[in-house]
Amino acid sequence: MLSKEKLARISELSKMKKAGTLTTEQAKEQTALRQEYLDTFRSTMRDTIENVRVFDPSGEEVTPEKLRQKQSKNLN
């Protein structure tokens, strides 16, 4: 997860952009911070999805085969 300081900075830069006071250097910083945020989010989401098991109402596991293969690969 991104630090609170970085998230606050993203918000601050966003407000500056809306106000029209964002400099070129700050725009580059904003782009880099947003990319770091997206990379972190995607990584966390991928880890979460790769550890999910799906069960139907009768209790049978119905996790898609592709996901099962990925999970067993991660265990090794």
C-alpha atoms as a PDB file:
ATOM      1  CA  MET A   1       0.000   0.000   0.000  1.00  0.00           C
ATOM      2  CA  LEU A   2       1.138   3.523  -0.724  1.00  0.00           C
ATOM      3  CA  SER A   3       2.101   5.666   2.251  1.00  0.00           C
ATOM      4  CA  LYS A   4      -0.328   8.248   3.591  1.00  0.00           C
ATOM      5  CA  GLU A   5       2.114  10.989   2.640  1.00  0.00           C
ATOM      6  CA  LYS A   6       2.157   9.904  -0.999  1.00  0.00           C
ATOM      7  CA  LEU A   7      -1.632   9.618  -1.133  1.00  0.00           C
ATOM      8  CA  ALA A   8      -1.925  13.089   0.393  1.00  0.00           C
ATOM      9  CA  ARG A   9       0.530  14.421  -2.188  1.00  0.00           C
ATOM     10  CA  ILE A  10      -1.508  12.890  -5.025  1.00  0.00           C
ATOM     11  CA  SER A  11      -4.612  14.646  -3.668  1.00  0.00           C
ATOM     12  CA  GLU A  12      -2.740  17.919  -3.264  1.00  0.00           C
ATOM     13  CA  LEU A  13      -1.444  17.794  -6.834  1.00  0.00           C
ATOM     14  CA  SER A  14      -4.926  16.942  -8.095  1.00  0.00           C
ATOM     15  CA  LYS A  15      -6.367  20.010  -6.376  1.00  0.00           C
ATOM     16  CA  MET A  16      -3.596  22.146  -7.855  1.00  0.00           C
ATOM     17  CA  LYS A  17      -4.378  20.803 -11.316  1.00  0.00           C
ATOM     18  CA  LYS A  18      -8.073  21.623 -10.927  1.00  0.00           C
ATOM     19  CA  ALA A  19      -7.126  25.136  -9.802  1.00  0.00           C
ATOM     20  CA  GLY A  20      -4.835  25.521 -12.807  1.00  0.00           C
ATOM     21  CA  THR A  21      -1.688  26.129 -10.760  1.00  0.00           C
ATOM     22  CA  LEU A  22       0.163  22.915 -11.552  1.00  0.00           C
ATOM     23  CA  THR A  23       3.676  23.380 -12.981  1.00  0.00           C
ATOM     24  CA  THR A  24       5.285  21.059 -15.520  1.00  0.00           C
ATOM     25  CA  GLU A  25       7.542  19.570 -12.847  1.00  0.00           C
ATOM     26  CA  GLN A  26       4.584  18.957 -10.556  1.00  0.00           C
ATOM     27  CA  ALA A  27       2.673  17.347 -13.426  1.00  0.00           C
ATOM     28  CA  LYS A  28       5.555  14.904 -13.919  1.00  0.00           C
ATOM     29  CA  GLU A  29       5.567  14.175 -10.184  1.00  0.00           C
ATOM     30  CA  GLN A  30       1.803  13.599 -10.301  1.00  0.00           C
ATOM     31  CA  THR A  31       2.165  11.187 -13.220  1.00  0.00           C
ATOM     32  CA  ALA A  32       4.896   9.242 -11.415  1.00  0.00           C
ATOM     33  CA  LEU A  33       2.902   9.055  -8.177  1.00  0.00           C
ATOM     34  CA  ARG A  34      -0.239   7.940 -10.009  1.00  0.00           C
ATOM     35  CA  GLN A  35       1.725   5.234 -11.819  1.00  0.00           C
ATOM     36  CA  GLU A  36       3.202   4.026  -8.519  1.00  0.00           C
ATOM     37  CA  TYR A  37      -0.309   3.975  -7.033  1.00  0.00           C
ATOM     38  CA  LEU A  38      -1.694   1.977  -9.969  1.00  0.00           C
ATOM     39  CA  ASP A  39       1.189  -0.504  -9.871  1.00  0.00           C
ATOM     40  CA  THR A  40       0.651  -1.052  -6.152  1.00  0.00           C
ATOM     41  CA  PHE A  41      -3.115  -1.396  -6.581  1.00  0.00           C
ATOM     42  CA  ARG A  42      -2.759  -3.885  -9.443  1.00  0.00           C
ATOM     43  CA  SER A  43      -0.227  -5.953  -7.530  1.00  0.00           C
ATOM     44  CA  THR A  44      -2.439  -6.105  -4.445  1.00  0.00           C
ATOM     45  CA  MET A  45      -5.515  -6.958  -6.516  1.00  0.00           C
ATOM     46  CA  ARG A  46      -3.627  -9.668  -8.415  1.00  0.00           C
ATOM     47  CA  ASP A  47      -2.434 -11.216  -5.133  1.00  0.00           C
ATOM     48  CA  THR A  48      -5.978 -11.156  -3.753  1.00  0.00           C
ATOM     49  CA  ILE A  49      -7.530 -12.733  -6.835  1.00  0.00           C
ATOM     50  CA  GLU A  50      -4.841 -15.396  -7.070  1.00  0.00           C
ATOM     51  CA  ASN A  51      -5.661 -16.537  -3.529  1.00  0.00           C
ATOM     52  CA  VAL A  52      -9.444 -16.773  -3.936  1.00  0.00           C
ATOM     53  CA  ARG A  53     -11.250 -20.077  -3.967  1.00  0.00           C
ATOM     54  CA  VAL A  54     -14.802 -20.207  -5.350  1.00  0.00           C
ATOM     55  CA  PHE A  55     -17.495 -22.528  -3.995  1.00  0.00           C
ATOM     56  CA  ASP A  56     -21.006 -23.149  -5.278  1.00  0.00           C
ATOM     57  CA  PRO A  57     -24.013 -23.258  -2.899  1.00  0.00           C
ATOM     58  CA  SER A  58     -23.611 -27.013  -2.370  1.00  0.00           C
ATOM     59  CA  GLY A  59     -20.043 -26.565  -1.134  1.00  0.00           C
ATOM     60  CA  GLU A  60     -18.248 -27.838  -4.221  1.00  0.00           C
ATOM     61  CA  GLU A  61     -15.177 -25.921  -5.262  1.00  0.00           C
ATOM     62  CA  VAL A  62     -15.709 -24.342  -8.683  1.00  0.00           C
ATOM     63  CA  THR A  63     -12.551 -22.262  -8.910  1.00  0.00           C
ATOM     64  CA  PRO A  64     -11.670 -21.798 -12.599  1.00  0.00           C
ATOM     65  CA  GLU A  65      -8.973 -24.195 -13.791  1.00  0.00           C
ATOM     66  CA  LYS A  66      -6.694 -21.378 -14.941  1.00  0.00           C
ATOM     67  CA  LEU A  67      -6.763 -19.888 -11.437  1.00  0.00           C
ATOM     68  CA  ARG A  68      -6.145 -23.295  -9.832  1.00  0.00           C
ATOM     69  CA  GLN A  69      -3.075 -23.754 -12.015  1.00  0.00           C
ATOM     70  CA  LYS A  70      -1.781 -20.322 -11.029  1.00  0.00           C
ATOM     71  CA  GLN A  71      -2.366 -21.083  -7.335  1.00  0.00           C
ATOM     72  CA  SER A  72      -0.510 -24.404  -7.485  1.00  0.00           C
ATOM     73  CA  LYS A  73       2.321 -22.746  -9.399  1.00  0.00           C
ATOM     74  CA  ASN A  74       2.584 -20.099  -6.651  1.00  0.00           C
ATOM     75  CA  LEU A  75       2.799 -22.797  -3.968  1.00  0.00           C
ATOM     76  CA  ASN A  76       5.883 -24.329  -5.570  1.00  0.00           C
END
